mmCIF file of all heavy atoms, coordinates in Angstrom:
data_MODEL
# 
_entry.id   MODEL 
# 
loop_
_atom_site.group_PDB 
_atom_site.id 
_atom_site.type_symbol 
_atom_site.label_atom_id 
_atom_site.label_alt_id 
_atom_site.label_comp_id 
_atom_site.label_asym_id 
_atom_site.label_entity_id 
_atom_site.label_seq_id 
_atom_site.pdbx_PDB_ins_code 
_atom_site.Cartn_x 
_atom_site.Cartn_y 
_atom_site.Cartn_z 
_atom_site.occupancy 
_atom_site.B_iso_or_equiv 
_atom_site.pdbx_formal_charge 
_atom_site.auth_seq_id 
_atom_site.auth_comp_id 
_atom_site.auth_asym_id 
_atom_site.auth_atom_id 
_atom_site.pdbx_PDB_model_num 
ATOM 1   N N   . ALA A 1 1  ? 120.999 123.371 303.249 1.00 0.00 ? 1  ALA A N   1 
ATOM 2   C CA  . ALA A 1 1  ? 120.695 123.917 301.923 1.00 0.00 ? 1  ALA A CA  1 
ATOM 3   C C   . ALA A 1 1  ? 120.505 122.823 300.885 1.00 0.00 ? 1  ALA A C   1 
ATOM 4   O O   . ALA A 1 1  ? 119.980 123.081 299.799 1.00 0.00 ? 1  ALA A O   1 
ATOM 5   C CB  . ALA A 1 1  ? 121.809 124.868 301.476 1.00 0.00 ? 1  ALA A CB  1 
ATOM 6   N N   . LEU A 1 2  ? 120.928 121.609 301.184 1.00 0.00 ? 2  LEU A N   1 
ATOM 7   C CA  . LEU A 1 2  ? 120.849 120.504 300.228 1.00 0.00 ? 2  LEU A CA  1 
ATOM 8   C C   . LEU A 1 2  ? 119.553 119.714 300.336 1.00 0.00 ? 2  LEU A C   1 
ATOM 9   O O   . LEU A 1 2  ? 119.257 118.884 299.481 1.00 0.00 ? 2  LEU A O   1 
ATOM 10  C CB  . LEU A 1 2  ? 122.024 119.547 300.440 1.00 0.00 ? 2  LEU A CB  1 
ATOM 11  C CG  . LEU A 1 2  ? 123.421 120.125 300.208 1.00 0.00 ? 2  LEU A CG  1 
ATOM 12  C CD1 . LEU A 1 2  ? 124.471 119.128 300.689 1.00 0.00 ? 2  LEU A CD1 1 
ATOM 13  C CD2 . LEU A 1 2  ? 123.626 120.458 298.739 1.00 0.00 ? 2  LEU A CD2 1 
ATOM 14  N N   . ALA A 1 3  ? 118.794 119.961 301.375 1.00 0.00 ? 3  ALA A N   1 
ATOM 15  C CA  . ALA A 1 3  ? 117.576 119.174 301.603 1.00 0.00 ? 3  ALA A CA  1 
ATOM 16  C C   . ALA A 1 3  ? 116.514 119.493 300.552 1.00 0.00 ? 3  ALA A C   1 
ATOM 17  O O   . ALA A 1 3  ? 116.456 120.591 300.000 1.00 0.00 ? 3  ALA A O   1 
ATOM 18  C CB  . ALA A 1 3  ? 117.029 119.468 302.995 1.00 0.00 ? 3  ALA A CB  1 
ATOM 19  N N   . ASN A 1 4  ? 115.693 118.499 300.243 1.00 0.00 ? 4  ASN A N   1 
ATOM 20  C CA  . ASN A 1 4  ? 114.514 118.723 299.403 1.00 0.00 ? 4  ASN A CA  1 
ATOM 21  C C   . ASN A 1 4  ? 113.332 117.972 300.006 1.00 0.00 ? 4  ASN A C   1 
ATOM 22  O O   . ASN A 1 4  ? 113.430 117.456 301.122 1.00 0.00 ? 4  ASN A O   1 
ATOM 23  C CB  . ASN A 1 4  ? 114.785 118.317 297.950 1.00 0.00 ? 4  ASN A CB  1 
ATOM 24  C CG  . ASN A 1 4  ? 115.162 116.847 297.821 1.00 0.00 ? 4  ASN A CG  1 
ATOM 25  O OD1 . ASN A 1 4  ? 114.757 116.002 298.620 1.00 0.00 ? 4  ASN A OD1 1 
ATOM 26  N ND2 . ASN A 1 4  ? 115.935 116.541 296.782 1.00 0.00 ? 4  ASN A ND2 1 
ATOM 27  N N   . LYS A 1 5  ? 112.240 117.904 299.277 1.00 0.00 ? 5  LYS A N   1 
ATOM 28  C CA  . LYS A 1 5  ? 111.031 117.302 299.829 1.00 0.00 ? 5  LYS A CA  1 
ATOM 29  C C   . LYS A 1 5  ? 111.212 115.823 300.172 1.00 0.00 ? 5  LYS A C   1 
ATOM 30  O O   . LYS A 1 5  ? 110.547 115.292 301.054 1.00 0.00 ? 5  LYS A O   1 
ATOM 31  C CB  . LYS A 1 5  ? 109.874 117.459 298.836 1.00 0.00 ? 5  LYS A CB  1 
ATOM 32  C CG  . LYS A 1 5  ? 109.440 118.901 298.625 1.00 0.00 ? 5  LYS A CG  1 
ATOM 33  C CD  . LYS A 1 5  ? 108.308 118.987 297.609 1.00 0.00 ? 5  LYS A CD  1 
ATOM 34  C CE  . LYS A 1 5  ? 107.879 120.437 297.383 1.00 0.00 ? 5  LYS A CE  1 
ATOM 35  N NZ  . LYS A 1 5  ? 106.789 120.540 296.365 1.00 0.00 ? 5  LYS A NZ  1 
ATOM 36  N N   . SER A 1 6  ? 112.118 115.167 299.482 1.00 0.00 ? 6  SER A N   1 
ATOM 37  C CA  . SER A 1 6  ? 112.262 113.716 299.648 1.00 0.00 ? 6  SER A CA  1 
ATOM 38  C C   . SER A 1 6  ? 113.495 113.287 300.422 1.00 0.00 ? 6  SER A C   1 
ATOM 39  O O   . SER A 1 6  ? 113.554 112.155 300.914 1.00 0.00 ? 6  SER A O   1 
ATOM 40  C CB  . SER A 1 6  ? 112.292 113.037 298.270 1.00 0.00 ? 6  SER A CB  1 
ATOM 41  O OG  . SER A 1 6  ? 111.144 113.363 297.524 1.00 0.00 ? 6  SER A OG  1 
ATOM 42  N N   . PHE A 1 7  ? 114.475 114.196 300.554 1.00 0.00 ? 7  PHE A N   1 
ATOM 43  C CA  . PHE A 1 7  ? 115.746 113.797 301.139 1.00 0.00 ? 7  PHE A CA  1 
ATOM 44  C C   . PHE A 1 7  ? 116.234 114.811 302.169 1.00 0.00 ? 7  PHE A C   1 
ATOM 45  O O   . PHE A 1 7  ? 116.166 116.028 301.941 1.00 0.00 ? 7  PHE A O   1 
ATOM 46  C CB  . PHE A 1 7  ? 116.824 113.644 300.055 1.00 0.00 ? 7  PHE A CB  1 
ATOM 47  C CG  . PHE A 1 7  ? 116.547 112.534 299.086 1.00 0.00 ? 7  PHE A CG  1 
ATOM 48  C CD1 . PHE A 1 7  ? 115.802 112.771 297.939 1.00 0.00 ? 7  PHE A CD1 1 
ATOM 49  C CD2 . PHE A 1 7  ? 117.026 111.247 299.314 1.00 0.00 ? 7  PHE A CD2 1 
ATOM 50  C CE1 . PHE A 1 7  ? 115.546 111.755 297.030 1.00 0.00 ? 7  PHE A CE1 1 
ATOM 51  C CE2 . PHE A 1 7  ? 116.774 110.230 298.418 1.00 0.00 ? 7  PHE A CE2 1 
ATOM 52  C CZ  . PHE A 1 7  ? 116.035 110.477 297.278 1.00 0.00 ? 7  PHE A CZ  1 
ATOM 53  N N   . ASP A 1 8  ? 116.734 114.295 303.272 1.00 0.00 ? 8  ASP A N   1 
ATOM 54  C CA  . ASP A 1 8  ? 117.372 115.119 304.295 1.00 0.00 ? 8  ASP A CA  1 
ATOM 55  C C   . ASP A 1 8  ? 118.713 115.620 303.765 1.00 0.00 ? 8  ASP A C   1 
ATOM 56  O O   . ASP A 1 8  ? 119.406 114.927 303.010 1.00 0.00 ? 8  ASP A O   1 
ATOM 57  C CB  . ASP A 1 8  ? 117.572 114.271 305.556 1.00 0.00 ? 8  ASP A CB  1 
ATOM 58  C CG  . ASP A 1 8  ? 118.365 115.011 306.614 1.00 0.00 ? 8  ASP A CG  1 
ATOM 59  O OD1 . ASP A 1 8  ? 117.792 115.877 307.274 1.00 0.00 ? 8  ASP A OD1 1 
ATOM 60  O OD2 . ASP A 1 8  ? 119.578 114.718 306.739 1.00 0.00 ? 8  ASP A OD2 1 
ATOM 61  N N   . GLY A 1 9  ? 119.112 116.837 304.159 1.00 0.00 ? 9  GLY A N   1 
ATOM 62  C CA  . GLY A 1 9  ? 120.344 117.429 303.656 1.00 0.00 ? 9  GLY A CA  1 
ATOM 63  C C   . GLY A 1 9  ? 121.579 116.605 303.951 1.00 0.00 ? 9  GLY A C   1 
ATOM 64  O O   . GLY A 1 9  ? 122.469 116.468 303.096 1.00 0.00 ? 9  GLY A O   1 
ATOM 65  N N   . ALA A 1 10 ? 121.652 116.043 305.148 1.00 0.00 ? 10 ALA A N   1 
ATOM 66  C CA  . ALA A 1 10 ? 122.807 115.219 305.504 1.00 0.00 ? 10 ALA A CA  1 
ATOM 67  C C   . ALA A 1 10 ? 122.869 113.966 304.636 1.00 0.00 ? 10 ALA A C   1 
ATOM 68  O O   . ALA A 1 10 ? 123.951 113.505 304.250 1.00 0.00 ? 10 ALA A O   1 
ATOM 69  C CB  . ALA A 1 10 ? 122.737 114.839 306.978 1.00 0.00 ? 10 ALA A CB  1 
ATOM 70  N N   . GLU A 1 11 ? 121.707 113.420 304.291 1.00 0.00 ? 11 GLU A N   1 
ATOM 71  C CA  . GLU A 1 11 ? 121.648 112.244 303.433 1.00 0.00 ? 11 GLU A CA  1 
ATOM 72  C C   . GLU A 1 11 ? 122.136 112.583 302.024 1.00 0.00 ? 11 GLU A C   1 
ATOM 73  O O   . GLU A 1 11 ? 122.860 111.803 301.389 1.00 0.00 ? 11 GLU A O   1 
ATOM 74  C CB  . GLU A 1 11 ? 120.212 111.721 303.377 1.00 0.00 ? 11 GLU A CB  1 
ATOM 75  C CG  . GLU A 1 11 ? 120.046 110.439 302.582 1.00 0.00 ? 11 GLU A CG  1 
ATOM 76  C CD  . GLU A 1 11 ? 118.595 109.983 302.535 1.00 0.00 ? 11 GLU A CD  1 
ATOM 77  O OE1 . GLU A 1 11 ? 117.722 110.667 303.101 1.00 0.00 ? 11 GLU A OE1 1 
ATOM 78  O OE2 . GLU A 1 11 ? 118.352 108.936 301.902 1.00 0.00 ? 11 GLU A OE2 1 
ATOM 79  N N   . VAL A 1 12 ? 121.743 113.761 301.535 1.00 0.00 ? 12 VAL A N   1 
ATOM 80  C CA  . VAL A 1 12 ? 122.191 114.197 300.217 1.00 0.00 ? 12 VAL A CA  1 
ATOM 81  C C   . VAL A 1 12 ? 123.708 114.379 300.210 1.00 0.00 ? 12 VAL A C   1 
ATOM 82  O O   . VAL A 1 12 ? 124.404 113.943 299.284 1.00 0.00 ? 12 VAL A O   1 
ATOM 83  C CB  . VAL A 1 12 ? 121.495 115.507 299.801 1.00 0.00 ? 12 VAL A CB  1 
ATOM 84  C CG1 . VAL A 1 12 ? 122.079 116.034 298.482 1.00 0.00 ? 12 VAL A CG1 1 
ATOM 85  C CG2 . VAL A 1 12 ? 119.996 115.299 299.663 1.00 0.00 ? 12 VAL A CG2 1 
ATOM 86  N N   . ALA A 1 13 ? 124.241 115.034 301.247 1.00 0.00 ? 13 ALA A N   1 
ATOM 87  C CA  . ALA A 1 13 ? 125.683 115.264 301.336 1.00 0.00 ? 13 ALA A CA  1 
ATOM 88  C C   . ALA A 1 13 ? 126.451 113.947 301.335 1.00 0.00 ? 13 ALA A C   1 
ATOM 89  O O   . ALA A 1 13 ? 127.463 113.801 300.635 1.00 0.00 ? 13 ALA A O   1 
ATOM 90  C CB  . ALA A 1 13 ? 126.012 116.065 302.597 1.00 0.00 ? 13 ALA A CB  1 
ATOM 91  N N   . GLN A 1 14 ? 125.959 112.978 302.117 1.00 0.00 ? 14 GLN A N   1 
ATOM 92  C CA  . GLN A 1 14 ? 126.628 111.680 302.158 1.00 0.00 ? 14 GLN A CA  1 
ATOM 93  C C   . GLN A 1 14 ? 126.560 110.980 300.804 1.00 0.00 ? 14 GLN A C   1 
ATOM 94  O O   . GLN A 1 14 ? 127.515 110.342 300.358 1.00 0.00 ? 14 GLN A O   1 
ATOM 95  C CB  . GLN A 1 14 ? 125.993 110.800 303.238 1.00 0.00 ? 14 GLN A CB  1 
ATOM 96  C CG  . GLN A 1 14 ? 126.699 109.470 303.448 1.00 0.00 ? 14 GLN A CG  1 
ATOM 97  C CD  . GLN A 1 14 ? 128.150 109.627 303.882 1.00 0.00 ? 14 GLN A CD  1 
ATOM 98  O OE1 . GLN A 1 14 ? 128.503 110.581 304.573 1.00 0.00 ? 14 GLN A OE1 1 
ATOM 99  N NE2 . GLN A 1 14 ? 128.997 108.684 303.480 1.00 0.00 ? 14 GLN A NE2 1 
ATOM 100 N N   . GLY A 1 15 ? 125.434 111.138 300.124 1.00 0.00 ? 15 GLY A N   1 
ATOM 101 C CA  . GLY A 1 15 ? 125.292 110.548 298.799 1.00 0.00 ? 15 GLY A CA  1 
ATOM 102 C C   . GLY A 1 15 ? 126.267 111.151 297.799 1.00 0.00 ? 15 GLY A C   1 
ATOM 103 O O   . GLY A 1 15 ? 126.820 110.439 296.942 1.00 0.00 ? 15 GLY A O   1 
ATOM 104 N N   . ILE A 1 16 ? 126.512 112.460 297.893 1.00 0.00 ? 16 ILE A N   1 
ATOM 105 C CA  . ILE A 1 16 ? 127.472 113.133 297.013 1.00 0.00 ? 16 ILE A CA  1 
ATOM 106 C C   . ILE A 1 16 ? 128.879 112.596 297.265 1.00 0.00 ? 16 ILE A C   1 
ATOM 107 O O   . ILE A 1 16 ? 129.631 112.304 296.329 1.00 0.00 ? 16 ILE A O   1 
ATOM 108 C CB  . ILE A 1 16 ? 127.410 114.655 297.215 1.00 0.00 ? 16 ILE A CB  1 
ATOM 109 C CG1 . ILE A 1 16 ? 126.105 115.207 296.625 1.00 0.00 ? 16 ILE A CG1 1 
ATOM 110 C CG2 . ILE A 1 16 ? 128.620 115.352 296.609 1.00 0.00 ? 16 ILE A CG2 1 
ATOM 111 C CD1 . ILE A 1 16 ? 125.856 116.681 296.906 1.00 0.00 ? 16 ILE A CD1 1 
ATOM 112 N N   . ILE A 1 17 ? 129.233 112.445 298.522 1.00 0.00 ? 17 ILE A N   1 
ATOM 113 C CA  . ILE A 1 17 ? 130.564 111.941 298.874 1.00 0.00 ? 17 ILE A CA  1 
ATOM 114 C C   . ILE A 1 17 ? 130.753 110.515 298.366 1.00 0.00 ? 17 ILE A C   1 
ATOM 115 O O   . ILE A 1 17 ? 131.802 110.169 297.804 1.00 0.00 ? 17 ILE A O   1 
ATOM 116 C CB  . ILE A 1 17 ? 130.758 111.999 300.408 1.00 0.00 ? 17 ILE A CB  1 
ATOM 117 C CG1 . ILE A 1 17 ? 130.831 113.459 300.863 1.00 0.00 ? 17 ILE A CG1 1 
ATOM 118 C CG2 . ILE A 1 17 ? 132.016 111.233 300.827 1.00 0.00 ? 17 ILE A CG2 1 
ATOM 119 C CD1 . ILE A 1 17 ? 130.751 113.643 302.361 1.00 0.00 ? 17 ILE A CD1 1 
ATOM 120 N N   . GLU A 1 18 ? 129.737 109.683 298.525 1.00 0.00 ? 18 GLU A N   1 
ATOM 121 C CA  . GLU A 1 18 ? 129.839 108.298 298.083 1.00 0.00 ? 18 GLU A CA  1 
ATOM 122 C C   . GLU A 1 18 ? 129.874 108.193 296.560 1.00 0.00 ? 18 GLU A C   1 
ATOM 123 O O   . GLU A 1 18 ? 130.571 107.342 295.998 1.00 0.00 ? 18 GLU A O   1 
ATOM 124 C CB  . GLU A 1 18 ? 128.676 107.490 298.663 1.00 0.00 ? 18 GLU A CB  1 
ATOM 125 C CG  . GLU A 1 18 ? 128.784 107.320 300.181 1.00 0.00 ? 18 GLU A CG  1 
ATOM 126 C CD  . GLU A 1 18 ? 127.556 106.684 300.807 1.00 0.00 ? 18 GLU A CD  1 
ATOM 127 O OE1 . GLU A 1 18 ? 126.588 106.401 300.063 1.00 0.00 ? 18 GLU A OE1 1 
ATOM 128 O OE2 . GLU A 1 18 ? 127.557 106.466 302.035 1.00 0.00 ? 18 GLU A OE2 1 
ATOM 129 N N   . ALA A 1 19 ? 129.142 109.068 295.873 1.00 0.00 ? 19 ALA A N   1 
ATOM 130 C CA  . ALA A 1 19 ? 129.168 109.069 294.409 1.00 0.00 ? 19 ALA A CA  1 
ATOM 131 C C   . ALA A 1 19 ? 130.549 109.484 293.895 1.00 0.00 ? 19 ALA A C   1 
ATOM 132 O O   . ALA A 1 19 ? 131.067 108.908 292.926 1.00 0.00 ? 19 ALA A O   1 
ATOM 133 C CB  . ALA A 1 19 ? 128.102 110.011 293.863 1.00 0.00 ? 19 ALA A CB  1 
ATOM 134 N N   . CYS A 1 20 ? 131.164 110.466 294.555 1.00 0.00 ? 20 CYS A N   1 
ATOM 135 C CA  . CYS A 1 20 ? 132.502 110.910 294.152 1.00 0.00 ? 20 CYS A CA  1 
ATOM 136 C C   . CYS A 1 20 ? 133.541 109.833 294.436 1.00 0.00 ? 20 CYS A C   1 
ATOM 137 O O   . CYS A 1 20 ? 134.527 109.711 293.697 1.00 0.00 ? 20 CYS A O   1 
ATOM 138 C CB  . CYS A 1 20 ? 132.867 112.204 294.875 1.00 0.00 ? 20 CYS A CB  1 
ATOM 139 S SG  . CYS A 1 20 ? 134.444 112.911 294.353 1.00 0.00 ? 20 CYS A SG  1 
ATOM 140 N N   . ALA A 1 21 ? 133.321 109.057 295.477 1.00 0.00 ? 21 ALA A N   1 
ATOM 141 C CA  . ALA A 1 21 ? 134.292 108.017 295.849 1.00 0.00 ? 21 ALA A CA  1 
ATOM 142 C C   . ALA A 1 21 ? 134.527 107.034 294.708 1.00 0.00 ? 21 ALA A C   1 
ATOM 143 O O   . ALA A 1 21 ? 135.650 106.575 294.488 1.00 0.00 ? 21 ALA A O   1 
ATOM 144 C CB  . ALA A 1 21 ? 133.813 107.279 297.095 1.00 0.00 ? 21 ALA A CB  1 
ATOM 145 N N   . LEU A 1 22 ? 133.471 106.724 293.957 1.00 0.00 ? 22 LEU A N   1 
ATOM 146 C CA  . LEU A 1 22 ? 133.630 105.806 292.835 1.00 0.00 ? 22 LEU A CA  1 
ATOM 147 C C   . LEU A 1 22 ? 134.507 106.423 291.746 1.00 0.00 ? 22 LEU A C   1 
ATOM 148 O O   . LEU A 1 22 ? 135.350 105.750 291.150 1.00 0.00 ? 22 LEU A O   1 
ATOM 149 C CB  . LEU A 1 22 ? 132.259 105.411 292.268 1.00 0.00 ? 22 LEU A CB  1 
ATOM 150 C CG  . LEU A 1 22 ? 132.283 104.450 291.073 1.00 0.00 ? 22 LEU A CG  1 
ATOM 151 C CD1 . LEU A 1 22 ? 132.998 103.150 291.424 1.00 0.00 ? 22 LEU A CD1 1 
ATOM 152 C CD2 . LEU A 1 22 ? 130.855 104.171 290.588 1.00 0.00 ? 22 LEU A CD2 1 
ATOM 153 N N   . ALA A 1 23 ? 134.327 107.730 291.509 1.00 0.00 ? 23 ALA A N   1 
ATOM 154 C CA  . ALA A 1 23 ? 135.139 108.413 290.490 1.00 0.00 ? 23 ALA A CA  1 
ATOM 155 C C   . ALA A 1 23 ? 136.600 108.486 290.900 1.00 0.00 ? 23 ALA A C   1 
ATOM 156 O O   . ALA A 1 23 ? 137.491 108.520 290.046 1.00 0.00 ? 23 ALA A O   1 
ATOM 157 C CB  . ALA A 1 23 ? 134.588 109.812 290.242 1.00 0.00 ? 23 ALA A CB  1 
ATOM 158 N N   . LEU A 1 24 ? 136.863 108.509 292.184 1.00 0.00 ? 24 LEU A N   1 
ATOM 159 C CA  . LEU A 1 24 ? 138.242 108.580 292.670 1.00 0.00 ? 24 LEU A CA  1 
ATOM 160 C C   . LEU A 1 24 ? 139.004 107.278 292.422 1.00 0.00 ? 24 LEU A C   1 
ATOM 161 O O   . LEU A 1 24 ? 140.231 107.299 292.253 1.00 0.00 ? 24 LEU A O   1 
ATOM 162 C CB  . LEU A 1 24 ? 138.259 108.916 294.165 1.00 0.00 ? 24 LEU A CB  1 
ATOM 163 C CG  . LEU A 1 24 ? 137.864 110.349 294.530 1.00 0.00 ? 24 LEU A CG  1 
ATOM 164 C CD1 . LEU A 1 24 ? 137.605 110.466 296.028 1.00 0.00 ? 24 LEU A CD1 1 
ATOM 165 C CD2 . LEU A 1 24 ? 138.948 111.340 294.107 1.00 0.00 ? 24 LEU A CD2 1 
ATOM 166 N N   . ILE A 1 25 ? 138.293 106.153 292.368 1.00 0.00 ? 25 ILE A N   1 
ATOM 167 C CA  . ILE A 1 25 ? 138.984 104.865 292.266 1.00 0.00 ? 25 ILE A CA  1 
ATOM 168 C C   . ILE A 1 25 ? 138.762 104.141 290.943 1.00 0.00 ? 25 ILE A C   1 
ATOM 169 O O   . ILE A 1 25 ? 139.502 103.219 290.618 1.00 0.00 ? 25 ILE A O   1 
ATOM 170 C CB  . ILE A 1 25 ? 138.572 103.922 293.420 1.00 0.00 ? 25 ILE A CB  1 
ATOM 171 C CG1 . ILE A 1 25 ? 137.083 103.592 293.348 1.00 0.00 ? 25 ILE A CG1 1 
ATOM 172 C CG2 . ILE A 1 25 ? 138.931 104.529 294.767 1.00 0.00 ? 25 ILE A CG2 1 
ATOM 173 C CD1 . ILE A 1 25 ? 136.636 102.531 294.336 1.00 0.00 ? 25 ILE A CD1 1 
ATOM 174 N N   . ASP A 1 26 ? 137.751 104.568 290.166 1.00 0.00 ? 26 ASP A N   1 
ATOM 175 C CA  . ASP A 1 26 ? 137.387 103.821 288.958 1.00 0.00 ? 26 ASP A CA  1 
ATOM 176 C C   . ASP A 1 26 ? 137.424 104.731 287.734 1.00 0.00 ? 26 ASP A C   1 
ATOM 177 O O   . ASP A 1 26 ? 136.633 105.674 287.631 1.00 0.00 ? 26 ASP A O   1 
ATOM 178 C CB  . ASP A 1 26 ? 135.980 103.249 289.130 1.00 0.00 ? 26 ASP A CB  1 
ATOM 179 C CG  . ASP A 1 26 ? 135.478 102.523 287.890 1.00 0.00 ? 26 ASP A CG  1 
ATOM 180 O OD1 . ASP A 1 26 ? 136.314 102.073 287.082 1.00 0.00 ? 26 ASP A OD1 1 
ATOM 181 O OD2 . ASP A 1 26 ? 134.248 102.431 287.720 1.00 0.00 ? 26 ASP A OD2 1 
ATOM 182 N N   . PRO A 1 27 ? 138.314 104.497 286.759 1.00 0.00 ? 27 PRO A N   1 
ATOM 183 C CA  . PRO A 1 27 ? 138.412 105.367 285.591 1.00 0.00 ? 27 PRO A CA  1 
ATOM 184 C C   . PRO A 1 27 ? 137.157 105.380 284.729 1.00 0.00 ? 27 PRO A C   1 
ATOM 185 O O   . PRO A 1 27 ? 136.877 106.372 284.062 1.00 0.00 ? 27 PRO A O   1 
ATOM 186 C CB  . PRO A 1 27 ? 139.611 104.806 284.815 1.00 0.00 ? 27 PRO A CB  1 
ATOM 187 C CG  . PRO A 1 27 ? 139.788 103.414 285.308 1.00 0.00 ? 27 PRO A CG  1 
ATOM 188 C CD  . PRO A 1 27 ? 139.341 103.420 286.728 1.00 0.00 ? 27 PRO A CD  1 
# 
């Protein structure tokens, strides 16, 4: 459900997880 014309869904999901990781460690 996360896929679009430019990105595979699994790639989008991994990108979301990595983006959140920064918020978890950096105020």
